Amino acid sequence: MIELNDHGVATSGDYRNYFERDGLRYSHTIDPRTGYPISHRLASVTVVADDAAEADALATAYMVMGVEQALALARRDKVAAYFLVRNDTGFIEYSSDTFAEQFE
């Protein structure tokens, strides 16, 4: 459980709004760099920030970026971020140092 005072939290993910066709997964999240749905294995991102609008914007941007780029950026900017990545047997959890220090 995350307890917050004077902060916001948001989660973005593709685990609810997607479809599969011919063995490919199509997310509702569109990468503005390509105009196509994201195609990586990042399932969700939760961000804690100063307010809910910032948390939502960062969670969505991180979702588009994918875990490697997003985690590096969250670490650099000291953002509290938690990532769930699909693998062949379930999920792998990652978190920024800031998230781990405050919430784990």
N, C-alpha and C. Protein backbone atom coordinates (compact mmCIF):
# COMPACT_ATOMS: atom_id res chain seq x y z
N MET A 1 0.84 -1.17 0.00
CA MET A 1 0.00 0.00 0.00
C MET A 1 0.89 1.24 0.00
N ILE A 2 0.46 2.24 -0.75
CA ILE A 2 1.17 3.51 -0.79
C ILE A 2 0.33 4.54 -0.05
N GLU A 3 0.92 5.15 0.97
CA GLU A 3 0.24 6.23 1.69
C GLU A 3 0.88 7.54 1.27
N LEU A 4 0.03 8.49 0.85
CA LEU A 4 0.52 9.77 0.34
C LEU A 4 -0.11 10.94 1.06
N ASN A 5 0.66 11.98 1.22
CA ASN A 5 0.17 13.28 1.65
C ASN A 5 0.77 14.31 0.71
N ASP A 6 -0.09 15.13 0.12
CA ASP A 6 0.36 16.21 -0.76
C ASP A 6 1.13 15.70 -1.98
N HIS A 7 0.75 14.55 -2.50
CA HIS A 7 1.33 13.99 -3.72
C HIS A 7 0.22 13.34 -4.53
N GLY A 8 0.55 12.95 -5.75
CA GLY A 8 -0.39 12.23 -6.59
C GLY A 8 0.23 10.95 -7.10
N VAL A 9 -0.62 10.00 -7.46
CA VAL A 9 -0.16 8.73 -8.00
C VAL A 9 -1.01 8.39 -9.22
N ALA A 10 -0.38 7.79 -10.22
CA ALA A 10 -1.10 7.36 -11.42
C ALA A 10 -0.43 6.11 -11.97
N THR A 11 -1.25 5.27 -12.59
CA THR A 11 -0.76 4.06 -13.25
C THR A 11 -1.25 4.06 -14.69
N SER A 12 -0.33 3.77 -15.61
CA SER A 12 -0.68 3.58 -17.02
C SER A 12 -0.30 2.16 -17.38
N GLY A 13 -1.09 1.55 -18.25
CA GLY A 13 -0.78 0.19 -18.65
C GLY A 13 -1.57 -0.25 -19.86
N ASP A 14 -1.16 -1.38 -20.40
CA ASP A 14 -1.87 -1.92 -21.57
C ASP A 14 -2.49 -3.28 -21.27
N TYR A 15 -2.64 -3.60 -20.01
CA TYR A 15 -3.13 -4.92 -19.60
C TYR A 15 -4.64 -5.04 -19.70
N ARG A 16 -5.36 -3.94 -19.91
CA ARG A 16 -6.82 -4.00 -20.00
C ARG A 16 -7.32 -3.67 -21.40
N ASN A 17 -6.70 -2.69 -22.05
CA ASN A 17 -7.17 -2.23 -23.36
C ASN A 17 -6.18 -2.64 -24.44
N TYR A 18 -6.41 -3.80 -25.01
CA TYR A 18 -5.57 -4.32 -26.09
C TYR A 18 -6.36 -5.40 -26.82
N PHE A 19 -5.83 -5.80 -27.95
CA PHE A 19 -6.37 -6.99 -28.62
C PHE A 19 -5.21 -7.73 -29.25
N GLU A 20 -5.44 -9.00 -29.55
CA GLU A 20 -4.42 -9.82 -30.19
C GLU A 20 -4.95 -10.30 -31.54
N ARG A 21 -4.08 -10.25 -32.52
CA ARG A 21 -4.42 -10.75 -33.85
C ARG A 21 -3.18 -11.39 -34.46
N ASP A 22 -3.34 -12.59 -34.96
CA ASP A 22 -2.24 -13.32 -35.59
C ASP A 22 -1.01 -13.39 -34.69
N GLY A 23 -1.24 -13.58 -33.39
CA GLY A 23 -0.14 -13.74 -32.44
C GLY A 23 0.53 -12.45 -32.01
N LEU A 24 0.03 -11.30 -32.49
CA LEU A 24 0.60 -10.01 -32.10
C LEU A 24 -0.36 -9.28 -31.17
N ARG A 25 0.20 -8.61 -30.19
CA ARG A 25 -0.57 -7.84 -29.22
C ARG A 25 -0.59 -6.38 -29.65
N TYR A 26 -1.76 -5.79 -29.70
CA TYR A 26 -1.92 -4.39 -30.09
C TYR A 26 -2.47 -3.61 -28.90
N SER A 27 -1.66 -2.71 -28.38
CA SER A 27 -2.02 -1.90 -27.23
C SER A 27 -2.84 -0.68 -27.66
N HIS A 28 -3.60 -0.13 -26.73
CA HIS A 28 -4.29 1.13 -26.98
C HIS A 28 -3.35 2.33 -26.87
N THR A 29 -2.14 2.11 -26.35
CA THR A 29 -1.17 3.19 -26.21
C THR A 29 -0.40 3.34 -27.52
N ILE A 30 -0.46 4.53 -28.08
CA ILE A 30 0.19 4.81 -29.37
C ILE A 30 1.50 5.54 -29.13
N ASP A 31 2.55 5.08 -29.77
CA ASP A 31 3.85 5.75 -29.71
C ASP A 31 3.82 6.90 -30.71
N PRO A 32 3.89 8.15 -30.24
CA PRO A 32 3.80 9.29 -31.17
C PRO A 32 4.99 9.38 -32.12
N ARG A 33 6.08 8.69 -31.81
CA ARG A 33 7.24 8.70 -32.71
C ARG A 33 7.00 7.87 -33.95
N THR A 34 6.13 6.86 -33.83
CA THR A 34 5.88 5.96 -34.96
C THR A 34 4.45 6.03 -35.47
N GLY A 35 3.53 6.43 -34.61
CA GLY A 35 2.11 6.41 -34.96
C GLY A 35 1.47 5.05 -34.80
N TYR A 36 2.22 4.09 -34.27
CA TYR A 36 1.73 2.73 -34.09
C TYR A 36 1.64 2.39 -32.60
N PRO A 37 0.84 1.35 -32.27
CA PRO A 37 0.79 0.92 -30.87
C PRO A 37 2.16 0.48 -30.37
N ILE A 38 2.36 0.67 -29.06
CA ILE A 38 3.62 0.21 -28.48
C ILE A 38 3.73 -1.30 -28.66
N SER A 39 4.97 -1.78 -28.76
CA SER A 39 5.14 -3.21 -29.03
C SER A 39 6.12 -3.89 -28.07
N HIS A 40 6.45 -3.22 -26.98
CA HIS A 40 7.36 -3.83 -26.00
C HIS A 40 6.57 -4.58 -24.93
N ARG A 41 7.25 -5.14 -23.96
CA ARG A 41 6.62 -5.99 -22.94
C ARG A 41 6.28 -5.27 -21.64
N LEU A 42 6.45 -3.95 -21.61
CA LEU A 42 6.08 -3.20 -20.41
C LEU A 42 4.56 -3.24 -20.26
N ALA A 43 4.08 -3.77 -19.13
CA ALA A 43 2.64 -3.94 -18.91
C ALA A 43 2.03 -2.77 -18.16
N SER A 44 2.77 -2.20 -17.19
CA SER A 44 2.24 -1.06 -16.46
C SER A 44 3.35 -0.27 -15.79
N VAL A 45 3.04 0.99 -15.55
CA VAL A 45 3.96 1.90 -14.85
C VAL A 45 3.14 2.68 -13.84
N THR A 46 3.62 2.72 -12.60
CA THR A 46 3.01 3.54 -11.56
C THR A 46 4.02 4.61 -11.16
N VAL A 47 3.55 5.85 -11.10
CA VAL A 47 4.42 6.98 -10.75
C VAL A 47 3.81 7.76 -9.60
N VAL A 48 4.64 8.15 -8.65
CA VAL A 48 4.26 9.06 -7.57
C VAL A 48 4.99 10.37 -7.85
N ALA A 49 4.23 11.47 -7.88
CA ALA A 49 4.80 12.78 -8.19
C ALA A 49 4.16 13.83 -7.29
N ASP A 50 4.51 15.09 -7.53
CA ASP A 50 3.97 16.17 -6.71
C ASP A 50 2.46 16.29 -6.81
N ASP A 51 1.89 15.96 -7.96
CA ASP A 51 0.44 15.99 -8.11
C ASP A 51 0.02 14.93 -9.12
N ALA A 52 -1.28 14.66 -9.17
CA ALA A 52 -1.79 13.57 -10.01
C ALA A 52 -1.58 13.84 -11.50
N ALA A 53 -1.66 15.09 -11.93
CA ALA A 53 -1.47 15.41 -13.35
C ALA A 53 -0.04 15.08 -13.79
N GLU A 54 0.94 15.43 -12.97
CA GLU A 54 2.33 15.11 -13.31
C GLU A 54 2.55 13.60 -13.29
N ALA A 55 1.99 12.93 -12.29
CA ALA A 55 2.13 11.47 -12.21
C ALA A 55 1.54 10.80 -13.43
N ASP A 56 0.37 11.25 -13.88
CA ASP A 56 -0.29 10.67 -15.05
C ASP A 56 0.52 10.91 -16.31
N ALA A 57 1.01 12.13 -16.48
CA ALA A 57 1.81 12.44 -17.67
C ALA A 57 3.08 11.59 -17.72
N LEU A 58 3.76 11.47 -16.59
CA LEU A 58 4.99 10.67 -16.56
C LEU A 58 4.70 9.19 -16.77
N ALA A 59 3.66 8.67 -16.15
CA ALA A 59 3.33 7.25 -16.31
C ALA A 59 3.03 6.93 -17.77
N THR A 60 2.29 7.80 -18.44
CA THR A 60 1.97 7.58 -19.85
C THR A 60 3.23 7.68 -20.71
N ALA A 61 4.04 8.68 -20.47
CA ALA A 61 5.29 8.83 -21.25
C ALA A 61 6.21 7.63 -21.03
N TYR A 62 6.35 7.19 -19.79
CA TYR A 62 7.18 6.03 -19.50
C TYR A 62 6.63 4.78 -20.19
N MET A 63 5.31 4.66 -20.22
CA MET A 63 4.68 3.51 -20.88
C MET A 63 5.06 3.48 -22.35
N VAL A 64 5.09 4.62 -22.99
CA VAL A 64 5.46 4.71 -24.40
C VAL A 64 6.93 4.36 -24.59
N MET A 65 7.78 4.84 -23.70
CA MET A 65 9.24 4.66 -23.85
C MET A 65 9.68 3.21 -23.74
N GLY A 66 9.04 2.44 -22.87
CA GLY A 66 9.53 1.11 -22.57
C GLY A 66 10.40 1.15 -21.33
N VAL A 67 10.60 0.00 -20.71
CA VAL A 67 11.21 -0.04 -19.39
C VAL A 67 12.66 0.44 -19.37
N GLU A 68 13.47 0.11 -20.34
CA GLU A 68 14.89 0.48 -20.28
C GLU A 68 15.06 2.00 -20.28
N GLN A 69 14.46 2.65 -21.26
CA GLN A 69 14.59 4.10 -21.37
C GLN A 69 13.88 4.81 -20.22
N ALA A 70 12.68 4.34 -19.86
CA ALA A 70 11.91 4.98 -18.81
C ALA A 70 12.58 4.84 -17.45
N LEU A 71 13.11 3.67 -17.14
CA LEU A 71 13.77 3.46 -15.86
C LEU A 71 15.01 4.33 -15.75
N ALA A 72 15.77 4.44 -16.83
CA ALA A 72 16.96 5.30 -16.82
C ALA A 72 16.57 6.75 -16.58
N LEU A 73 15.51 7.20 -17.22
CA LEU A 73 15.05 8.58 -17.05
C LEU A 73 14.52 8.81 -15.63
N ALA A 74 13.75 7.87 -15.10
CA ALA A 74 13.23 8.00 -13.74
C ALA A 74 14.37 8.04 -12.73
N ARG A 75 15.37 7.22 -12.94
CA ARG A 75 16.53 7.24 -12.03
C ARG A 75 17.28 8.56 -12.12
N ARG A 76 17.48 9.03 -13.34
CA ARG A 76 18.20 10.30 -13.54
C ARG A 76 17.47 11.45 -12.87
N ASP A 77 16.13 11.48 -13.03
CA ASP A 77 15.33 12.60 -12.53
C ASP A 77 14.79 12.38 -11.12
N LYS A 78 15.18 11.25 -10.50
CA LYS A 78 14.75 10.92 -9.14
C LYS A 78 13.23 10.88 -9.00
N VAL A 79 12.58 10.24 -9.98
CA VAL A 79 11.13 10.06 -9.96
C VAL A 79 10.82 8.71 -9.34
N ALA A 80 9.82 8.67 -8.49
CA ALA A 80 9.37 7.41 -7.88
C ALA A 80 8.51 6.67 -8.89
N ALA A 81 9.07 5.60 -9.48
CA ALA A 81 8.36 4.86 -10.54
C ALA A 81 8.53 3.36 -10.32
N TYR A 82 7.45 2.64 -10.60
CA TYR A 82 7.40 1.18 -10.44
C TYR A 82 6.90 0.58 -11.74
N PHE A 83 7.59 -0.45 -12.23
CA PHE A 83 7.33 -1.02 -13.55
C PHE A 83 7.02 -2.51 -13.44
N LEU A 84 6.04 -2.98 -14.20
CA LEU A 84 5.76 -4.41 -14.36
C LEU A 84 5.97 -4.76 -15.83
N VAL A 85 6.84 -5.73 -16.07
CA VAL A 85 7.19 -6.14 -17.43
C VAL A 85 6.78 -7.60 -17.61
N ARG A 86 6.04 -7.87 -18.70
CA ARG A 86 5.64 -9.25 -19.01
C ARG A 86 6.86 -10.05 -19.43
N ASN A 87 6.91 -11.31 -18.99
CA ASN A 87 7.87 -12.26 -19.55
C ASN A 87 7.10 -13.53 -19.88
N ASP A 88 7.79 -14.58 -20.23
CA ASP A 88 7.12 -15.80 -20.67
C ASP A 88 6.36 -16.53 -19.56
N THR A 89 6.67 -16.24 -18.31
CA THR A 89 6.03 -16.95 -17.20
C THR A 89 5.22 -16.04 -16.28
N GLY A 90 5.18 -14.76 -16.54
CA GLY A 90 4.44 -13.84 -15.67
C GLY A 90 4.95 -12.43 -15.81
N PHE A 91 5.41 -11.87 -14.70
CA PHE A 91 5.87 -10.48 -14.69
C PHE A 91 7.17 -10.34 -13.92
N ILE A 92 7.96 -9.36 -14.31
CA ILE A 92 9.17 -8.97 -13.60
C ILE A 92 8.93 -7.55 -13.10
N GLU A 93 9.30 -7.28 -11.85
CA GLU A 93 9.14 -5.96 -11.25
C GLU A 93 10.45 -5.19 -11.29
N TYR A 94 10.35 -3.92 -11.61
CA TYR A 94 11.48 -3.00 -11.54
C TYR A 94 11.00 -1.74 -10.85
N SER A 95 11.89 -1.04 -10.17
CA SER A 95 11.52 0.25 -9.61
C SER A 95 12.73 1.17 -9.60
N SER A 96 12.44 2.46 -9.65
CA SER A 96 13.51 3.44 -9.53
C SER A 96 14.00 3.42 -8.09
N ASP A 97 15.19 3.93 -7.87
CA ASP A 97 15.73 4.00 -6.51
C ASP A 97 14.83 4.83 -5.61
N THR A 98 14.30 5.91 -6.13
CA THR A 98 13.43 6.79 -5.35
C THR A 98 12.18 6.04 -4.90
N PHE A 99 11.58 5.25 -5.77
CA PHE A 99 10.41 4.46 -5.39
C PHE A 99 10.80 3.45 -4.32
N ALA A 100 11.88 2.73 -4.53
CA ALA A 100 12.32 1.70 -3.60
C ALA A 100 12.59 2.30 -2.22
N GLU A 101 13.20 3.46 -2.17
CA GLU A 101 13.52 4.09 -0.89
C GLU A 101 12.26 4.54 -0.15
N GLN A 102 11.23 4.96 -0.88
CA GLN A 102 10.05 5.52 -0.23
C GLN A 102 8.95 4.50 0.04
N PHE A 103 8.86 3.43 -0.77
CA PHE A 103 7.66 2.60 -0.72
C PHE A 103 7.91 1.11 -0.57
N GLU A 104 9.12 0.64 -0.62
CA GLU A 104 9.33 -0.81 -0.50
C GLU A 104 9.91 -1.15 0.86
